[in-house]
Structures are given as C-alpha cells and as structure tokens.
C-alpha cells in the first residue's frame, strides 16, 4: 500500500458533485492499494499512520499522534499512487490492485481506523467515484509511506 499523509487544519471532499464530507484538525490520507497488498499491509499502515508523531506538543515539538490529539481523518482511495513513470510520459498503473481486491483492502483499512476509539471523526471518499478534495495543509507536512519499503515480507 502507498499513502500520502497530510497534516491538516481541515479538509472537505465533494463526491460525484453531490455528497459533501468534512473534517477538522487531523489527517488526510490518500491511499493506493497495490496488487501485492494483503490485510497485513493494511493493519501495519493503519497502526503506523494513527501513531505518527507529527502534531505539536506544548513545547512546539512534533511529538503527538492523531490518537494523542483525538484528531479527525479523511481517507481517500487513490489508485494513481501506483503510477510507474519510468518509461515514456504516460504513467502505467499496472501495479495497482484490481478492483475487487483494491476495494476490499481499502474498506478493511477504513474499518481499522473506524474501530480505533482514540480517533475523532472518520470520513471517507467513495471508492471509484470522481472526487474534489480541498485540503488546508498544516505546516505543510506531507509524508509518503509505502509498505513495500517499510514492511518486511
């Protein structure tokens, strides 16, 4: 799995021009599921993201996690994170998981976050929908995570 994790002061998403969801202080996570991913990848990444110490403490140090501040999270499926741009100018998305697996693992990841009682509001995009995401990045802090790099198989 690949994720772009952004610390935000707030964010909102408009899904297919009709459904609106929003969060306050917390994280926006763009999540890409790769063809080799498993539930273990989702579990590892959910735990890692919710525990990332990227929020300021009373001494202005990045020492607190989403769990520590009971922050909100917006999770958006994003197959384009699988892009391979090594050849030519058109990205290849062959490493992305096929629809059924991608949706299953995305929804599993979301369920892990929703079941974490230390998290505030949990909002999502819609798998496979067209979405407009507005993010008020705080810092800015953007972290790229890839379970192929950080998880030993």
N, C-alpha and C. Protein backbone atom coordinates (compact mmCIF):
# COMPACT_ATOMS: atom_id res chain seq x y z
N UNK A 1 0.85 -1.18 0.00
CA UNK A 1 0.00 0.00 0.00
C UNK A 1 0.89 1.22 0.00
N UNK A 2 0.39 2.22 -0.65
CA UNK A 2 1.05 3.51 -0.64
C UNK A 2 0.09 4.54 -0.09
N UNK A 3 0.65 5.47 0.68
CA UNK A 3 -0.20 6.51 1.25
C UNK A 3 0.54 7.83 1.22
N UNK A 4 -0.20 8.88 0.95
CA UNK A 4 0.27 10.24 1.18
C UNK A 4 -0.52 10.72 2.39
N UNK A 5 0.20 11.07 3.43
CA UNK A 5 -0.41 11.50 4.69
C UNK A 5 -0.14 13.00 4.84
N UNK A 6 -1.21 13.76 5.00
CA UNK A 6 -1.08 15.21 5.14
C UNK A 6 -1.68 15.65 6.47
N UNK A 7 -0.90 16.44 7.23
CA UNK A 7 -1.45 17.05 8.44
C UNK A 7 -2.25 18.26 8.01
N UNK A 8 -3.49 18.36 8.52
CA UNK A 8 -4.38 19.41 8.04
C UNK A 8 -5.06 20.15 9.19
N UNK A 9 -5.43 21.40 8.90
CA UNK A 9 -6.30 22.18 9.79
C UNK A 9 -7.75 21.91 9.47
N UNK A 10 -7.99 21.29 8.34
CA UNK A 10 -9.33 20.95 7.90
C UNK A 10 -9.28 20.49 6.46
N UNK A 11 -10.30 19.76 6.06
CA UNK A 11 -10.41 19.29 4.68
C UNK A 11 -11.86 18.94 4.41
N UNK A 12 -12.21 19.00 3.12
CA UNK A 12 -13.54 18.54 2.74
C UNK A 12 -13.45 17.89 1.37
N UNK A 13 -14.46 17.07 1.10
CA UNK A 13 -14.49 16.31 -0.14
C UNK A 13 -15.89 16.37 -0.72
N UNK A 14 -15.95 16.53 -2.02
CA UNK A 14 -17.22 16.51 -2.75
C UNK A 14 -17.17 15.29 -3.67
N UNK A 15 -18.12 14.38 -3.49
CA UNK A 15 -18.11 13.11 -4.20
C UNK A 15 -19.19 13.13 -5.28
N UNK A 16 -18.75 12.92 -6.53
CA UNK A 16 -19.66 12.91 -7.69
C UNK A 16 -20.55 14.15 -7.72
N UNK A 17 -20.03 15.27 -7.25
CA UNK A 17 -20.75 16.54 -7.29
C UNK A 17 -21.95 16.62 -6.37
N UNK A 18 -22.14 15.62 -5.49
CA UNK A 18 -23.35 15.58 -4.66
C UNK A 18 -23.10 15.41 -3.18
N UNK A 19 -22.23 14.50 -2.79
CA UNK A 19 -22.04 14.16 -1.39
C UNK A 19 -20.88 14.97 -0.83
N UNK A 20 -21.11 15.66 0.29
CA UNK A 20 -20.09 16.50 0.91
C UNK A 20 -19.76 15.95 2.29
N UNK A 21 -18.46 15.80 2.55
CA UNK A 21 -17.99 15.37 3.87
C UNK A 21 -16.82 16.26 4.26
N UNK A 22 -16.63 16.45 5.59
CA UNK A 22 -15.52 17.30 6.01
C UNK A 22 -14.96 16.86 7.35
N UNK A 23 -13.72 17.29 7.60
CA UNK A 23 -13.06 17.05 8.87
C UNK A 23 -12.44 18.36 9.35
N UNK A 24 -12.08 18.36 10.62
CA UNK A 24 -11.34 19.48 11.21
C UNK A 24 -9.89 19.05 11.38
N UNK A 25 -9.20 19.49 12.42
CA UNK A 25 -7.79 19.16 12.62
C UNK A 25 -7.54 17.66 12.58
N UNK A 26 -6.52 17.27 11.83
CA UNK A 26 -6.18 15.85 11.76
C UNK A 26 -5.36 15.52 10.53
N UNK A 27 -5.75 14.46 9.86
CA UNK A 27 -5.00 13.96 8.71
C UNK A 27 -5.91 13.71 7.51
N UNK A 28 -5.35 13.94 6.33
CA UNK A 28 -5.93 13.43 5.09
C UNK A 28 -4.98 12.35 4.61
N UNK A 29 -5.54 11.19 4.28
CA UNK A 29 -4.75 10.07 3.79
C UNK A 29 -5.26 9.68 2.41
N UNK A 30 -4.41 9.83 1.40
CA UNK A 30 -4.68 9.31 0.07
C UNK A 30 -4.08 7.91 0.05
N UNK A 31 -4.90 6.89 -0.22
CA UNK A 31 -4.47 5.51 -0.08
C UNK A 31 -4.55 4.77 -1.41
N UNK A 32 -3.42 4.21 -1.82
CA UNK A 32 -3.35 3.39 -3.02
C UNK A 32 -3.08 1.95 -2.66
N UNK A 33 -3.87 1.04 -3.21
CA UNK A 33 -3.69 -0.39 -2.95
C UNK A 33 -2.98 -1.01 -4.15
N UNK A 34 -1.92 -1.74 -3.86
CA UNK A 34 -1.13 -2.39 -4.90
C UNK A 34 -1.56 -3.86 -5.03
N UNK A 35 -1.26 -4.45 -6.16
CA UNK A 35 -1.66 -5.82 -6.44
C UNK A 35 -1.08 -6.85 -5.48
N UNK A 36 0.01 -6.54 -4.84
CA UNK A 36 0.66 -7.48 -3.91
C UNK A 36 0.25 -7.27 -2.46
N UNK A 37 -0.64 -6.32 -2.19
CA UNK A 37 -1.01 -5.99 -0.81
C UNK A 37 -1.92 -7.04 -0.18
N UNK A 38 -1.85 -7.09 1.15
CA UNK A 38 -2.65 -8.02 1.95
C UNK A 38 -3.25 -7.26 3.13
N UNK A 39 -4.08 -7.95 3.90
CA UNK A 39 -4.63 -7.35 5.11
C UNK A 39 -3.52 -6.95 6.09
N UNK A 40 -2.44 -7.71 6.10
CA UNK A 40 -1.31 -7.37 6.98
C UNK A 40 -0.74 -6.00 6.63
N UNK A 41 -0.68 -5.67 5.33
CA UNK A 41 -0.22 -4.34 4.92
C UNK A 41 -1.15 -3.27 5.46
N UNK A 42 -2.46 -3.50 5.34
CA UNK A 42 -3.45 -2.54 5.82
C UNK A 42 -3.34 -2.35 7.33
N UNK A 43 -3.17 -3.43 8.06
CA UNK A 43 -3.05 -3.36 9.52
C UNK A 43 -1.81 -2.57 9.92
N UNK A 44 -0.70 -2.89 9.29
CA UNK A 44 0.55 -2.19 9.59
C UNK A 44 0.42 -0.69 9.31
N UNK A 45 -0.11 -0.37 8.14
CA UNK A 45 -0.20 1.04 7.74
C UNK A 45 -1.18 1.81 8.61
N UNK A 46 -2.31 1.22 8.95
CA UNK A 46 -3.29 1.90 9.81
C UNK A 46 -2.67 2.20 11.17
N UNK A 47 -1.95 1.25 11.72
CA UNK A 47 -1.29 1.44 13.01
C UNK A 47 -0.20 2.52 12.92
N UNK A 48 0.56 2.46 11.86
CA UNK A 48 1.67 3.41 11.68
C UNK A 48 1.14 4.85 11.51
N UNK A 49 0.12 5.01 10.70
CA UNK A 49 -0.42 6.35 10.42
C UNK A 49 -1.05 6.96 11.67
N UNK A 50 -1.86 6.19 12.39
CA UNK A 50 -2.53 6.76 13.57
C UNK A 50 -1.55 7.05 14.70
N UNK A 51 -0.39 6.43 14.67
CA UNK A 51 0.62 6.67 15.70
C UNK A 51 1.72 7.64 15.31
N UNK A 52 1.71 8.13 14.05
CA UNK A 52 2.75 9.07 13.61
C UNK A 52 2.78 10.31 14.48
N UNK A 53 3.91 10.63 15.02
CA UNK A 53 4.04 11.80 15.89
C UNK A 53 4.38 13.03 15.04
N UNK A 54 3.33 13.63 14.47
CA UNK A 54 3.53 14.79 13.59
C UNK A 54 2.68 15.99 14.00
N UNK A 55 2.16 15.95 15.24
CA UNK A 55 1.41 17.09 15.78
C UNK A 55 2.22 17.69 16.92
N UNK A 56 2.13 19.00 17.07
CA UNK A 56 2.95 19.71 18.07
C UNK A 56 2.43 19.50 19.48
N UNK A 57 3.40 19.36 20.41
CA UNK A 57 3.08 19.28 21.83
C UNK A 57 3.16 20.67 22.45
N UNK A 58 3.08 20.74 23.77
CA UNK A 58 3.11 22.03 24.47
C UNK A 58 4.44 22.76 24.31
N UNK A 59 5.49 22.04 23.90
CA UNK A 59 6.81 22.65 23.69
C UNK A 59 7.07 22.93 22.21
N UNK A 60 6.04 22.87 21.39
CA UNK A 60 6.13 23.15 19.96
C UNK A 60 6.97 22.11 19.21
N UNK A 61 7.05 20.90 19.76
CA UNK A 61 7.79 19.80 19.13
C UNK A 61 6.80 18.83 18.50
N UNK A 62 7.18 18.24 17.38
CA UNK A 62 6.33 17.23 16.74
C UNK A 62 6.44 15.94 17.57
N UNK A 63 5.54 15.82 18.52
CA UNK A 63 5.65 14.75 19.49
C UNK A 63 4.33 14.03 19.75
N UNK A 64 3.25 14.49 19.11
CA UNK A 64 1.93 13.92 19.35
C UNK A 64 1.39 13.26 18.08
N UNK A 65 0.59 12.22 18.28
CA UNK A 65 -0.01 11.50 17.17
C UNK A 65 -1.47 11.89 17.00
N UNK A 66 -2.08 11.38 15.94
CA UNK A 66 -3.51 11.57 15.72
C UNK A 66 -4.29 11.04 16.91
N UNK A 67 -3.86 9.91 17.45
CA UNK A 67 -4.52 9.33 18.61
C UNK A 67 -4.39 10.25 19.83
N UNK A 68 -3.21 10.84 20.01
CA UNK A 68 -2.98 11.72 21.16
C UNK A 68 -3.89 12.94 21.16
N UNK A 69 -4.15 13.47 19.96
CA UNK A 69 -4.97 14.69 19.90
C UNK A 69 -6.44 14.38 19.59
N UNK A 70 -6.76 13.08 19.46
CA UNK A 70 -8.10 12.63 19.06
C UNK A 70 -8.55 13.39 17.81
N UNK A 71 -7.62 13.44 16.83
CA UNK A 71 -7.86 14.18 15.59
C UNK A 71 -8.76 13.43 14.63
N UNK A 72 -9.25 14.17 13.65
CA UNK A 72 -10.09 13.63 12.58
C UNK A 72 -9.22 13.06 11.47
N UNK A 73 -9.84 12.24 10.62
CA UNK A 73 -9.12 11.70 9.46
C UNK A 73 -10.08 11.57 8.28
N UNK A 74 -9.58 11.93 7.12
CA UNK A 74 -10.28 11.75 5.85
C UNK A 74 -9.45 10.79 5.02
N UNK A 75 -10.04 9.66 4.62
CA UNK A 75 -9.33 8.64 3.86
C UNK A 75 -9.92 8.60 2.45
N UNK A 76 -9.05 8.75 1.45
CA UNK A 76 -9.48 8.83 0.06
C UNK A 76 -8.75 7.77 -0.76
N UNK A 77 -9.49 6.89 -1.40
CA UNK A 77 -8.86 5.89 -2.27
C UNK A 77 -8.24 6.61 -3.47
N UNK A 78 -7.06 6.14 -3.88
CA UNK A 78 -6.34 6.83 -4.95
C UNK A 78 -5.43 5.84 -5.68
N UNK A 79 -5.98 5.19 -6.72
CA UNK A 79 -5.20 4.18 -7.45
C UNK A 79 -4.02 4.80 -8.17
N UNK A 80 -4.03 6.11 -8.44
CA UNK A 80 -2.92 6.72 -9.18
C UNK A 80 -1.62 6.72 -8.37
N UNK A 81 -1.69 6.38 -7.08
CA UNK A 81 -0.46 6.26 -6.29
C UNK A 81 0.36 5.07 -6.74
N UNK A 82 -0.21 4.20 -7.57
CA UNK A 82 0.52 3.05 -8.11
C UNK A 82 1.31 3.42 -9.37
N UNK A 83 1.24 4.67 -9.78
CA UNK A 83 1.83 5.08 -11.06
C UNK A 83 3.31 4.72 -11.18
N UNK A 84 3.64 4.18 -12.33
CA UNK A 84 5.02 3.91 -12.70
C UNK A 84 5.32 4.84 -13.88
N UNK A 85 6.24 5.76 -13.67
CA UNK A 85 6.56 6.77 -14.69
C UNK A 85 7.95 6.57 -15.27
N UNK A 86 8.48 5.35 -15.17
CA UNK A 86 9.84 5.08 -15.65
C UNK A 86 9.97 5.18 -17.16
N UNK A 87 8.93 4.81 -17.89
CA UNK A 87 9.02 4.74 -19.34
C UNK A 87 8.01 5.69 -19.98
N UNK A 88 8.48 6.49 -20.90
CA UNK A 88 7.59 7.39 -21.62
C UNK A 88 7.00 8.46 -20.72
N UNK A 89 5.95 9.09 -21.21
CA UNK A 89 5.32 10.18 -20.47
C UNK A 89 3.93 9.84 -19.98
N UNK A 90 3.44 8.65 -20.30
CA UNK A 90 2.13 8.22 -19.82
C UNK A 90 2.36 7.23 -18.68
N UNK A 91 1.86 7.55 -17.48
CA UNK A 91 2.06 6.64 -16.35
C UNK A 91 1.38 5.30 -16.59
N UNK A 92 2.00 4.25 -16.08
CA UNK A 92 1.40 2.92 -16.09
C UNK A 92 0.84 2.66 -14.70
N UNK A 93 -0.35 2.06 -14.66
CA UNK A 93 -0.98 1.75 -13.39
C UNK A 93 -1.12 0.25 -13.19
N UNK A 94 -0.26 -0.52 -13.84
CA UNK A 94 -0.34 -1.98 -13.79
C UNK A 94 -0.07 -2.55 -12.40
N UNK A 95 0.62 -1.79 -11.55
CA UNK A 95 0.91 -2.29 -10.20
C UNK A 95 -0.28 -2.14 -9.26
N UNK A 96 -1.29 -1.37 -9.66
CA UNK A 96 -2.48 -1.18 -8.82
C UNK A 96 -3.24 -2.50 -8.68
N UNK A 97 -3.82 -2.70 -7.52
CA UNK A 97 -4.66 -3.88 -7.31
C UNK A 97 -5.89 -3.78 -8.20
N UNK A 98 -6.38 -4.92 -8.64
CA UNK A 98 -7.62 -4.97 -9.42
C UNK A 98 -8.77 -4.54 -8.53
N UNK A 99 -9.87 -4.12 -9.14
CA UNK A 99 -11.00 -3.52 -8.45
C UNK A 99 -11.47 -4.20 -7.19
N UNK A 100 -11.76 -5.50 -7.25
CA UNK A 100 -12.32 -6.19 -6.08
C UNK A 100 -11.34 -6.22 -4.91
N UNK A 101 -10.08 -6.56 -5.18
CA UNK A 101 -9.07 -6.59 -4.13
C UNK A 101 -8.82 -5.20 -3.58
N UNK A 102 -8.70 -4.22 -4.48
CA UNK A 102 -8.45 -2.85 -4.04
C UNK A 102 -9.57 -2.35 -3.13
N UNK A 103 -10.80 -2.60 -3.52
CA UNK A 103 -11.94 -2.14 -2.71
C UNK A 103 -11.97 -2.86 -1.36
N UNK A 104 -11.73 -4.16 -1.39
CA UNK A 104 -11.74 -4.94 -0.14
C UNK A 104 -10.69 -4.42 0.84
N UNK A 105 -9.46 -4.19 0.36
CA UNK A 105 -8.39 -3.74 1.25
C UNK A 105 -8.57 -2.28 1.68
N UNK A 106 -9.09 -1.45 0.78
CA UNK A 106 -9.40 -0.06 1.15
C UNK A 106 -10.45 -0.05 2.27
N UNK A 107 -11.51 -0.81 2.09
CA UNK A 107 -12.57 -0.84 3.11
C UNK A 107 -12.08 -1.46 4.41
N UNK A 108 -11.19 -2.44 4.32
CA UNK A 108 -10.60 -3.03 5.52
C UNK A 108 -9.77 -1.99 6.27
N UNK A 109 -8.95 -1.24 5.53
CA UNK A 109 -8.14 -0.17 6.13
C UNK A 109 -9.05 0.83 6.84
N UNK A 110 -10.12 1.27 6.17
CA UNK A 110 -11.07 2.22 6.76
C UNK A 110 -11.67 1.64 8.03
N UNK A 111 -12.03 0.36 8.01
CA UNK A 111 -12.65 -0.27 9.20
C UNK A 111 -11.67 -0.28 10.38
N UNK A 112 -10.40 -0.50 10.11
CA UNK A 112 -9.39 -0.47 11.17
C UNK A 112 -9.33 0.91 11.82
N UNK A 113 -9.39 1.95 11.01
CA UNK A 113 -9.35 3.31 11.54
C UNK A 113 -10.64 3.61 12.30
N UNK A 114 -11.77 3.25 11.73
CA UNK A 114 -13.08 3.50 12.39
C UNK A 114 -13.17 2.81 13.75
N UNK A 115 -12.54 1.64 13.89
CA UNK A 115 -12.59 0.89 15.14
C UNK A 115 -11.62 1.39 16.19
N UNK A 116 -10.83 2.39 15.84
CA UNK A 116 -9.88 2.97 16.78
C UNK A 116 -10.59 4.07 17.56
N UNK A 117 -10.89 3.81 18.82
CA UNK A 117 -11.65 4.75 19.64
C UNK A 117 -10.88 6.01 20.00
N UNK A 118 -9.57 6.03 19.71
CA UNK A 118 -8.75 7.20 20.01
C UNK A 118 -8.80 8.24 18.91
N UNK A 119 -9.49 7.94 17.81
CA UNK A 119 -9.58 8.83 16.65
C UNK A 119 -10.89 9.61 16.75
N UNK A 120 -10.85 10.87 16.29
CA UNK A 120 -12.07 11.67 16.23
C UNK A 120 -12.97 11.20 15.09
N UNK A 121 -13.41 12.12 14.29
CA UNK A 121 -14.29 11.82 13.16
C UNK A 121 -13.50 11.12 12.05
N UNK A 122 -14.10 10.08 11.48
CA UNK A 122 -13.50 9.35 10.36
C UNK A 122 -14.42 9.53 9.16
N UNK A 123 -13.91 10.18 8.12
CA UNK A 123 -14.66 10.40 6.89
C UNK A 123 -13.91 9.76 5.74
N UNK A 124 -14.63 9.46 4.66
CA UNK A 124 -14.01 8.83 3.51
C UNK A 124 -14.54 9.43 2.22
N UNK A 125 -13.79 9.17 1.17
CA UNK A 125 -14.30 9.37 -0.17
C UNK A 125 -15.14 8.16 -0.52
N UNK A 126 -15.41 7.97 -1.79
CA UNK A 126 -16.13 6.78 -2.26
C UNK A 126 -15.24 6.07 -3.27
N UNK A 127 -15.03 4.80 -3.05
CA UNK A 127 -14.16 4.02 -3.92
C UNK A 127 -14.68 4.10 -5.36
N UNK A 128 -13.81 4.50 -6.28
CA UNK A 128 -14.15 4.55 -7.70
C UNK A 128 -14.92 5.78 -8.14
N UNK A 129 -15.26 6.68 -7.23
CA UNK A 129 -16.04 7.87 -7.59
C UNK A 129 -15.11 9.00 -8.03
N UNK A 130 -15.69 10.01 -8.68
CA UNK A 130 -14.95 11.23 -9.00
C UNK A 130 -15.07 12.16 -7.80
N UNK A 131 -13.92 12.65 -7.33
CA UNK A 131 -13.92 13.43 -6.09
C UNK A 131 -13.12 14.72 -6.25
N UNK A 132 -13.59 15.75 -5.58
CA UNK A 132 -12.86 17.00 -5.43
C UNK A 132 -12.49 17.11 -3.96
N UNK A 133 -11.18 17.20 -3.68
CA UNK A 133 -10.71 17.24 -2.31
C UNK A 133 -10.06 18.59 -2.05
N UNK A 134 -10.54 19.28 -1.03
CA UNK A 134 -9.94 20.55 -0.60
C UNK A 134 -9.24 20.30 0.72
N UNK A 135 -7.95 20.63 0.74
CA UNK A 135 -7.13 20.36 1.91
C UNK A 135 -6.49 21.66 2.37
N UNK A 136 -6.61 21.94 3.67
CA UNK A 136 -5.87 23.06 4.24
C UNK A 136 -4.69 22.43 4.98
N UNK A 137 -3.58 22.26 4.24
CA UNK A 137 -2.40 21.59 4.76
C UNK A 137 -1.79 22.44 5.86
N UNK A 138 -1.41 21.81 6.96
CA UNK A 138 -0.85 22.49 8.12
C UNK A 138 0.64 22.21 8.19
N UNK A 139 1.44 23.20 7.93
CA UNK A 139 2.90 23.04 8.02
C UNK A 139 3.65 23.63 6.84
N UNK A 140 3.56 23.09 5.69
CA UNK A 140 2.89 21.84 5.32
C UNK A 140 3.68 20.62 5.79
N UNK A 141 2.93 19.61 6.18
CA UNK A 141 3.53 18.32 6.50
C UNK A 141 2.87 17.28 5.60
N UNK A 142 3.68 16.66 4.76
CA UNK A 142 3.25 15.61 3.84
C UNK A 142 4.24 14.46 3.96
N UNK A 143 3.73 13.27 4.21
CA UNK A 143 4.59 12.11 4.37
C UNK A 143 4.13 11.04 3.40
N UNK A 144 5.09 10.47 2.67
CA UNK A 144 4.79 9.38 1.74
C UNK A 144 5.20 8.09 2.43
N UNK A 145 4.26 7.13 2.45
CA UNK A 145 4.53 5.84 3.06
C UNK A 145 4.24 4.74 2.04
N UNK A 146 5.09 3.72 2.03
CA UNK A 146 4.95 2.61 1.09
C UNK A 146 5.26 1.33 1.84
N UNK A 147 4.28 0.46 2.00
CA UNK A 147 4.52 -0.77 2.77
C UNK A 147 5.51 -1.69 2.09
N UNK A 148 5.72 -1.57 0.80
CA UNK A 148 6.75 -2.37 0.12
C UNK A 148 8.14 -1.98 0.61
N UNK A 149 8.28 -0.76 1.08
CA UNK A 149 9.57 -0.28 1.56
C UNK A 149 9.72 -0.51 3.06
N UNK A 150 8.62 -0.34 3.81
CA UNK A 150 8.75 -0.36 5.27
C UNK A 150 8.30 -1.65 5.94
N UNK A 151 7.71 -2.58 5.20
CA UNK A 151 7.27 -3.85 5.78
C UNK A 151 8.09 -4.97 5.18
N UNK A 152 8.67 -5.78 6.05
CA UNK A 152 9.40 -6.95 5.56
C UNK A 152 8.41 -8.06 5.29
N UNK A 153 8.46 -8.63 4.10
CA UNK A 153 7.53 -9.71 3.72
C UNK A 153 8.06 -11.05 4.16
